[in-house]
């Protein structure tokens, strides 16, 4: 499935948002495919254990994957994954 991944600058480590198109059927698969296109980005998103970093949020279209199946969330062709760093309050 073709999925667009949009990375905010705080996650991509670049000065502007990064968009990439990957073929994947789960969020985990999308992150693995994204790593092949943007080497090093997965370590900015995930802990060494493979879990999401505490302040990273991922949305599959408008749905927060924390309320779905986390990294196992199924993706459909044409979806957009938005990956952002959560804003700290205070």
N, C-alpha and C. Protein backbone atom coordinates (compact mmCIF):
# COMPACT_ATOMS: atom_id res chain seq x y z
N UNK A 1 0.82 -1.16 0.00
CA UNK A 1 0.00 0.00 0.00
C UNK A 1 0.88 1.25 0.00
N UNK A 2 0.49 2.21 -0.75
CA UNK A 2 1.22 3.46 -0.82
C UNK A 2 0.70 4.41 0.26
N UNK A 3 1.61 4.84 1.13
CA UNK A 3 1.27 5.70 2.27
C UNK A 3 2.21 6.90 2.26
N UNK A 4 1.67 8.08 2.49
CA UNK A 4 2.50 9.27 2.62
C UNK A 4 2.85 9.47 4.08
N UNK A 5 4.12 9.69 4.37
CA UNK A 5 4.58 9.95 5.73
C UNK A 5 5.05 11.40 5.78
N UNK A 6 4.47 12.17 6.69
CA UNK A 6 4.85 13.57 6.87
C UNK A 6 5.54 13.72 8.22
N UNK A 7 6.78 14.17 8.19
CA UNK A 7 7.59 14.36 9.41
C UNK A 7 7.75 15.84 9.70
N UNK A 8 7.45 16.25 10.93
CA UNK A 8 7.69 17.64 11.31
C UNK A 8 9.20 17.84 11.45
N UNK A 9 9.67 19.09 11.35
CA UNK A 9 11.11 19.34 11.43
C UNK A 9 11.76 18.83 12.72
N UNK A 10 11.04 18.91 13.84
CA UNK A 10 11.62 18.46 15.11
C UNK A 10 11.91 16.96 15.11
N UNK A 11 11.16 16.22 14.33
CA UNK A 11 11.39 14.77 14.25
C UNK A 11 12.38 14.43 13.15
N UNK A 12 12.28 15.12 12.02
CA UNK A 12 13.16 14.80 10.89
C UNK A 12 14.60 15.27 11.12
N UNK A 13 14.76 16.29 11.97
CA UNK A 13 16.09 16.85 12.17
C UNK A 13 16.49 17.80 11.07
N UNK A 14 15.54 18.16 10.23
CA UNK A 14 15.80 19.09 9.13
C UNK A 14 15.07 20.40 9.38
N UNK A 15 15.32 21.38 8.55
CA UNK A 15 14.74 22.71 8.78
C UNK A 15 13.30 22.84 8.27
N UNK A 16 12.84 21.87 7.51
CA UNK A 16 11.47 21.92 6.96
C UNK A 16 10.83 20.55 7.09
N UNK A 17 9.51 20.49 7.03
CA UNK A 17 8.86 19.17 7.06
C UNK A 17 9.36 18.29 5.92
N UNK A 18 9.33 16.99 6.14
CA UNK A 18 9.75 16.03 5.14
C UNK A 18 8.55 15.15 4.80
N UNK A 19 8.26 15.00 3.52
CA UNK A 19 7.23 14.07 3.06
C UNK A 19 7.90 12.94 2.30
N UNK A 20 7.46 11.73 2.57
CA UNK A 20 7.99 10.56 1.86
C UNK A 20 6.82 9.63 1.55
N UNK A 21 6.90 8.94 0.44
CA UNK A 21 5.89 7.94 0.09
C UNK A 21 6.53 6.58 0.27
N UNK A 22 5.88 5.73 1.06
CA UNK A 22 6.40 4.39 1.34
C UNK A 22 5.33 3.36 1.05
N UNK A 23 5.76 2.13 0.88
CA UNK A 23 4.84 1.00 0.72
C UNK A 23 4.85 0.22 2.02
N UNK A 24 3.69 0.19 2.71
CA UNK A 24 3.60 -0.53 3.98
C UNK A 24 2.13 -0.78 4.30
N UNK A 25 1.89 -1.83 5.10
CA UNK A 25 0.51 -2.10 5.52
C UNK A 25 0.29 -1.90 7.01
N UNK A 26 1.37 -1.55 7.76
CA UNK A 26 1.25 -1.21 9.18
C UNK A 26 2.12 0.01 9.46
N UNK A 27 1.89 0.64 10.60
CA UNK A 27 2.72 1.77 10.99
C UNK A 27 4.17 1.31 11.16
N UNK A 28 4.38 0.18 11.78
CA UNK A 28 5.74 -0.35 11.96
C UNK A 28 6.43 -0.53 10.61
N UNK A 29 5.73 -1.10 9.65
CA UNK A 29 6.29 -1.28 8.31
C UNK A 29 6.61 0.04 7.64
N UNK A 30 5.76 1.04 7.87
CA UNK A 30 5.99 2.37 7.30
C UNK A 30 7.26 2.98 7.88
N UNK A 31 7.47 2.81 9.19
CA UNK A 31 8.68 3.35 9.82
C UNK A 31 9.93 2.65 9.30
N UNK A 32 9.84 1.35 9.08
CA UNK A 32 10.98 0.61 8.52
C UNK A 32 11.29 1.08 7.11
N UNK A 33 10.25 1.28 6.30
CA UNK A 33 10.45 1.77 4.93
C UNK A 33 10.97 3.20 4.94
N UNK A 34 10.49 4.01 5.86
CA UNK A 34 10.95 5.39 5.98
C UNK A 34 12.43 5.44 6.32
N UNK A 35 12.88 4.55 7.18
CA UNK A 35 14.29 4.49 7.57
C UNK A 35 15.18 4.26 6.35
N UNK A 36 14.70 3.49 5.38
CA UNK A 36 15.49 3.24 4.16
C UNK A 36 15.61 4.52 3.32
N UNK A 37 14.61 5.39 3.38
CA UNK A 37 14.63 6.63 2.60
C UNK A 37 15.31 7.78 3.35
N UNK A 38 15.16 7.80 4.67
CA UNK A 38 15.72 8.87 5.51
C UNK A 38 16.51 8.19 6.63
N UNK A 39 17.73 7.71 6.33
CA UNK A 39 18.51 6.99 7.33
C UNK A 39 18.68 7.76 8.63
N UNK A 40 18.48 7.07 9.74
CA UNK A 40 18.65 7.65 11.06
C UNK A 40 17.38 8.20 11.67
N UNK A 41 16.32 8.32 10.87
CA UNK A 41 15.09 8.93 11.39
C UNK A 41 14.38 8.02 12.38
N UNK A 42 14.48 6.72 12.21
CA UNK A 42 13.77 5.80 13.10
C UNK A 42 14.25 5.95 14.55
N UNK A 43 15.53 6.21 14.73
CA UNK A 43 16.05 6.38 16.10
C UNK A 43 15.54 7.67 16.73
N UNK A 44 15.08 8.62 15.94
CA UNK A 44 14.48 9.85 16.45
C UNK A 44 13.02 9.62 16.85
N UNK A 45 12.41 8.55 16.30
CA UNK A 45 11.00 8.25 16.53
C UNK A 45 10.83 7.16 17.59
N UNK A 46 11.71 6.17 17.56
CA UNK A 46 11.57 5.00 18.44
C UNK A 46 12.74 4.85 19.40
N UNK A 47 12.44 4.28 20.56
CA UNK A 47 13.47 3.89 21.53
C UNK A 47 14.22 2.68 20.96
N UNK A 48 15.40 2.36 21.50
CA UNK A 48 16.11 1.16 21.06
C UNK A 48 15.26 -0.12 21.20
N UNK A 49 14.32 -0.11 22.15
CA UNK A 49 13.44 -1.27 22.34
C UNK A 49 12.42 -1.43 21.20
N UNK A 50 12.26 -0.37 20.39
CA UNK A 50 11.28 -0.40 19.31
C UNK A 50 10.01 0.36 19.62
N UNK A 51 9.80 0.70 20.88
CA UNK A 51 8.61 1.48 21.27
C UNK A 51 8.78 2.93 20.86
N UNK A 52 7.66 3.62 20.68
CA UNK A 52 7.72 5.04 20.34
C UNK A 52 8.37 5.83 21.47
N UNK A 53 9.13 6.84 21.09
CA UNK A 53 9.69 7.74 22.09
C UNK A 53 8.54 8.47 22.78
N UNK A 54 8.75 8.85 24.00
CA UNK A 54 7.69 9.41 24.85
C UNK A 54 6.97 10.60 24.23
N UNK A 55 7.69 11.50 23.58
CA UNK A 55 7.07 12.72 23.08
C UNK A 55 6.80 12.70 21.58
N UNK A 56 6.76 11.52 20.99
CA UNK A 56 6.44 11.41 19.56
C UNK A 56 4.98 10.99 19.43
N UNK A 57 4.27 11.69 18.55
CA UNK A 57 2.88 11.35 18.26
C UNK A 57 2.77 10.98 16.79
N UNK A 58 2.02 9.92 16.52
CA UNK A 58 1.79 9.50 15.14
C UNK A 58 0.28 9.42 14.91
N UNK A 59 -0.13 10.03 13.81
CA UNK A 59 -1.54 10.00 13.42
C UNK A 59 -1.67 9.31 12.07
N UNK A 60 -2.57 8.34 12.00
CA UNK A 60 -2.93 7.68 10.74
C UNK A 60 -4.17 8.41 10.26
N UNK A 61 -4.01 9.23 9.23
CA UNK A 61 -5.00 10.23 8.85
C UNK A 61 -5.24 11.07 10.11
N UNK A 62 -6.41 11.12 10.68
CA UNK A 62 -6.64 11.97 11.86
C UNK A 62 -6.65 11.19 13.16
N UNK A 63 -6.43 9.87 13.09
CA UNK A 63 -6.54 9.02 14.28
C UNK A 63 -5.18 8.81 14.95
N UNK A 64 -5.12 9.09 16.25
CA UNK A 64 -3.90 8.89 17.04
C UNK A 64 -3.70 7.38 17.21
N UNK A 65 -2.54 6.86 16.78
CA UNK A 65 -2.31 5.41 16.83
C UNK A 65 -2.27 4.87 18.25
N UNK A 66 -2.07 5.74 19.26
CA UNK A 66 -2.09 5.28 20.65
C UNK A 66 -3.47 4.72 21.03
N UNK A 67 -4.50 5.18 20.33
CA UNK A 67 -5.86 4.72 20.61
C UNK A 67 -6.32 3.67 19.62
N UNK A 68 -5.40 3.24 18.75
CA UNK A 68 -5.69 2.17 17.79
C UNK A 68 -4.86 0.95 18.21
N UNK A 69 -4.00 0.48 17.33
CA UNK A 69 -3.17 -0.69 17.62
C UNK A 69 -1.68 -0.33 17.63
N UNK A 70 -1.37 0.89 18.08
CA UNK A 70 0.00 1.39 18.17
C UNK A 70 0.75 1.13 16.87
N UNK A 71 1.94 0.55 16.94
CA UNK A 71 2.74 0.31 15.74
C UNK A 71 2.13 -0.75 14.83
N UNK A 72 1.23 -1.55 15.37
CA UNK A 72 0.54 -2.57 14.57
C UNK A 72 -0.67 -2.04 13.83
N UNK A 73 -0.96 -0.76 13.95
CA UNK A 73 -2.11 -0.16 13.27
C UNK A 73 -2.04 -0.42 11.77
N UNK A 74 -3.11 -0.97 11.24
CA UNK A 74 -3.18 -1.28 9.80
C UNK A 74 -3.37 0.00 9.00
N UNK A 75 -2.73 0.06 7.86
CA UNK A 75 -2.82 1.21 6.97
C UNK A 75 -3.53 0.81 5.68
N UNK A 76 -4.19 1.78 5.09
CA UNK A 76 -4.86 1.56 3.81
C UNK A 76 -4.19 2.43 2.75
N UNK A 77 -4.29 2.01 1.53
CA UNK A 77 -3.70 2.74 0.41
C UNK A 77 -4.18 4.19 0.42
N UNK A 78 -3.24 5.11 0.28
CA UNK A 78 -3.57 6.52 0.21
C UNK A 78 -3.61 7.25 1.55
N UNK A 79 -3.42 6.53 2.64
CA UNK A 79 -3.43 7.18 3.96
C UNK A 79 -2.21 8.07 4.13
N UNK A 80 -2.31 8.99 5.10
CA UNK A 80 -1.19 9.84 5.48
C UNK A 80 -0.85 9.60 6.94
N UNK A 81 0.42 9.32 7.20
CA UNK A 81 0.92 9.24 8.57
C UNK A 81 1.59 10.57 8.89
N UNK A 82 1.16 11.21 9.94
CA UNK A 82 1.78 12.46 10.38
C UNK A 82 2.53 12.16 11.66
N UNK A 83 3.81 12.50 11.68
CA UNK A 83 4.66 12.21 12.83
C UNK A 83 5.16 13.53 13.38
N UNK A 84 4.84 13.79 14.64
CA UNK A 84 5.17 15.07 15.26
C UNK A 84 5.73 14.86 16.66
N UNK A 85 6.37 15.86 17.15
CA UNK A 85 6.85 15.87 18.53
C UNK A 85 5.79 16.60 19.35
N UNK A 86 5.36 15.98 20.44
CA UNK A 86 4.34 16.59 21.30
C UNK A 86 4.88 17.86 21.91
N UNK A 87 4.04 18.83 22.04
CA UNK A 87 4.42 20.10 22.68
C UNK A 87 4.32 19.93 24.19
N UNK A 88 5.29 20.44 24.88
CA UNK A 88 5.27 20.39 26.34
C UNK A 88 4.44 21.55 26.87
N UNK A 89 3.66 21.28 27.86
CA UNK A 89 2.86 22.33 28.48
C UNK A 89 3.67 23.02 29.56
N UNK A 90 3.45 24.31 29.70
CA UNK A 90 4.10 25.03 30.80
C UNK A 90 5.30 25.77 30.44
